[in-house]
Amino acid sequence: MKRKRYKVKVKLIFETTIEHSQTSIYKAKQDVDRVLRDYLKDKKLNILNLFEDPPHIIYKVEKKDN
C-alpha cells in the first residue's frame, strides 16, 4: 500500500493573561501587541519563554484545501 502525502493546516492559539498598567485599555493593548509582534519577528525565539505561566494552547488540525 502506497503512502499518500497531505497538506494540513495547523492553527495554534496561545491563551494567557498578562498584567500591564497603562493609562487606558487601548494603550495597554497597543503595548502588548507591539511587544508580541517585535518578539515574534525573530523566528529563533521560543514564544513559551515570553510567558511567566505556561499558556493554555488551543490547536486545530485540518486538511488544507487547494
C-alpha atoms as a PDB file:
ATOM      1  CA  MET A   1       0.000   0.000   0.000  1.00  0.00           C
ATOM      2  CA  LYS A   2       1.418   3.374  -1.023  1.00  0.00           C
ATOM      3  CA  ARG A   3       1.504   6.296   1.365  1.00  0.00           C
ATOM      4  CA  LYS A   4      -0.212   9.483   0.299  1.00  0.00           C
ATOM      5  CA  ARG A   5       1.019  12.962   1.096  1.00  0.00           C
ATOM      6  CA  TYR A   6      -1.367  15.511   2.503  1.00  0.00           C
ATOM      7  CA  LYS A   7      -1.045  19.188   3.264  1.00  0.00           C
ATOM      8  CA  VAL A   8      -2.560  20.085   6.596  1.00  0.00           C
ATOM      9  CA  LYS A   9      -3.224  23.451   8.156  1.00  0.00           C
ATOM     10  CA  VAL A  10      -2.440  23.859  11.847  1.00  0.00           C
ATOM     11  CA  LYS A  11      -3.870  26.763  13.837  1.00  0.00           C
ATOM     12  CA  LEU A  12      -2.355  27.437  17.261  1.00  0.00           C
ATOM     13  CA  ILE A  13      -3.826  29.812  19.821  1.00  0.00           C
ATOM     14  CA  PHE A  14      -1.784  30.729  22.881  1.00  0.00           C
ATOM     15  CA  GLU A  15      -4.126  31.939  25.581  1.00  0.00           C
ATOM     16  CA  THR A  16      -2.786  33.585  28.718  1.00  0.00           C
ATOM     17  CA  THR A  17      -3.292  36.618  30.956  1.00  0.00           C
ATOM     18  CA  ILE A  18      -0.702  39.379  31.142  1.00  0.00           C
ATOM     19  CA  GLU A  19      -0.874  42.144  33.726  1.00  0.00           C
ATOM     20  CA  HIS A  20       0.048  45.538  32.305  1.00  0.00           C
ATOM     21  CA  SER A  21      -0.546  49.011  33.704  1.00  0.00           C
ATOM     22  CA  GLN A  22      -1.259  51.926  31.396  1.00  0.00           C
ATOM     23  CA  THR A  23      -3.490  54.998  31.329  1.00  0.00           C
ATOM     24  CA  SER A  24      -6.122  53.309  29.144  1.00  0.00           C
ATOM     25  CA  ILE A  25      -7.025  49.812  27.979  1.00  0.00           C
ATOM     26  CA  TYR A  26      -6.419  50.897  24.370  1.00  0.00           C
ATOM     27  CA  LYS A  27      -2.827  51.912  25.123  1.00  0.00           C
ATOM     28  CA  ALA A  28      -2.254  48.727  27.149  1.00  0.00           C
ATOM     29  CA  LYS A  29      -3.461  46.605  24.217  1.00  0.00           C
ATOM     30  CA  GLN A  30      -1.170  48.521  21.842  1.00  0.00           C
ATOM     31  CA  ASP A  31       1.837  47.999  24.140  1.00  0.00           C
ATOM     32  CA  VAL A  32       1.240  44.251  24.442  1.00  0.00           C
ATOM     33  CA  ASP A  33       0.606  43.929  20.698  1.00  0.00           C
ATOM     34  CA  ARG A  34       3.865  45.768  19.899  1.00  0.00           C
ATOM     35  CA  VAL A  35       5.895  43.606  22.294  1.00  0.00           C
ATOM     36  CA  LEU A  36       4.457  40.368  20.878  1.00  0.00           C
ATOM     37  CA  ARG A  37       4.966  41.434  17.256  1.00  0.00           C
ATOM     38  CA  ASP A  38       8.561  42.503  17.907  1.00  0.00           C
ATOM     39  CA  TYR A  39       9.252  39.267  19.793  1.00  0.00           C
ATOM     40  CA  LEU A  40       7.797  37.091  17.028  1.00  0.00           C
ATOM     41  CA  LYS A  41       9.802  38.795  14.266  1.00  0.00           C
ATOM     42  CA  ASP A  42      12.881  36.880  15.401  1.00  0.00           C
ATOM     43  CA  LYS A  43      11.980  33.329  14.358  1.00  0.00           C
ATOM     44  CA  LYS A  44      14.665  31.711  16.516  1.00  0.00           C
ATOM     45  CA  LEU A  45      12.964  32.716  19.765  1.00  0.00           C
ATOM     46  CA  ASN A  46      10.705  30.367  21.693  1.00  0.00           C
ATOM     47  CA  ILE A  47       7.348  32.021  22.397  1.00  0.00           C
ATOM     48  CA  LEU A  48       6.854  29.906  25.528  1.00  0.00           C
ATOM     49  CA  ASN A  49       9.773  31.765  27.177  1.00  0.00           C
ATOM     50  CA  LEU A  50       7.778  35.007  26.933  1.00  0.00           C
ATOM     51  CA  PHE A  51       5.147  33.919  29.470  1.00  0.00           C
ATOM     52  CA  GLU A  52       5.630  33.502  33.206  1.00  0.00           C
ATOM     53  CA  ASP A  53       2.823  30.958  33.462  1.00  0.00           C
ATOM     54  CA  PRO A  54       2.512  28.347  30.735  1.00  0.00           C
ATOM     55  CA  PRO A  55      -0.193  29.453  28.280  1.00  0.00           C
ATOM     56  CA  HIS A  56      -3.261  27.402  27.501  1.00  0.00           C
ATOM     57  CA  ILE A  57      -2.688  26.106  23.970  1.00  0.00           C
ATOM     58  CA  ILE A  58      -5.632  25.501  21.670  1.00  0.00           C
ATOM     59  CA  TYR A  59      -4.931  23.811  18.362  1.00  0.00           C
ATOM     60  CA  LYS A  60      -6.872  22.631  15.373  1.00  0.00           C
ATOM     61  CA  VAL A  61      -5.585  20.445  12.542  1.00  0.00           C
ATOM     62  CA  GLU A  62      -7.455  20.144   9.274  1.00  0.00           C
ATOM     63  CA  LYS A  63      -6.781  19.114   5.695  1.00  0.00           C
ATOM     64  CA  LYS A  64      -5.679  22.047   3.585  1.00  0.00           C
ATOM     65  CA  ASP A  65      -7.916  22.617   0.565  1.00  0.00           C
ATOM     66  CA  ASN A  66      -6.235  23.628  -2.668  1.00  0.00           C
END
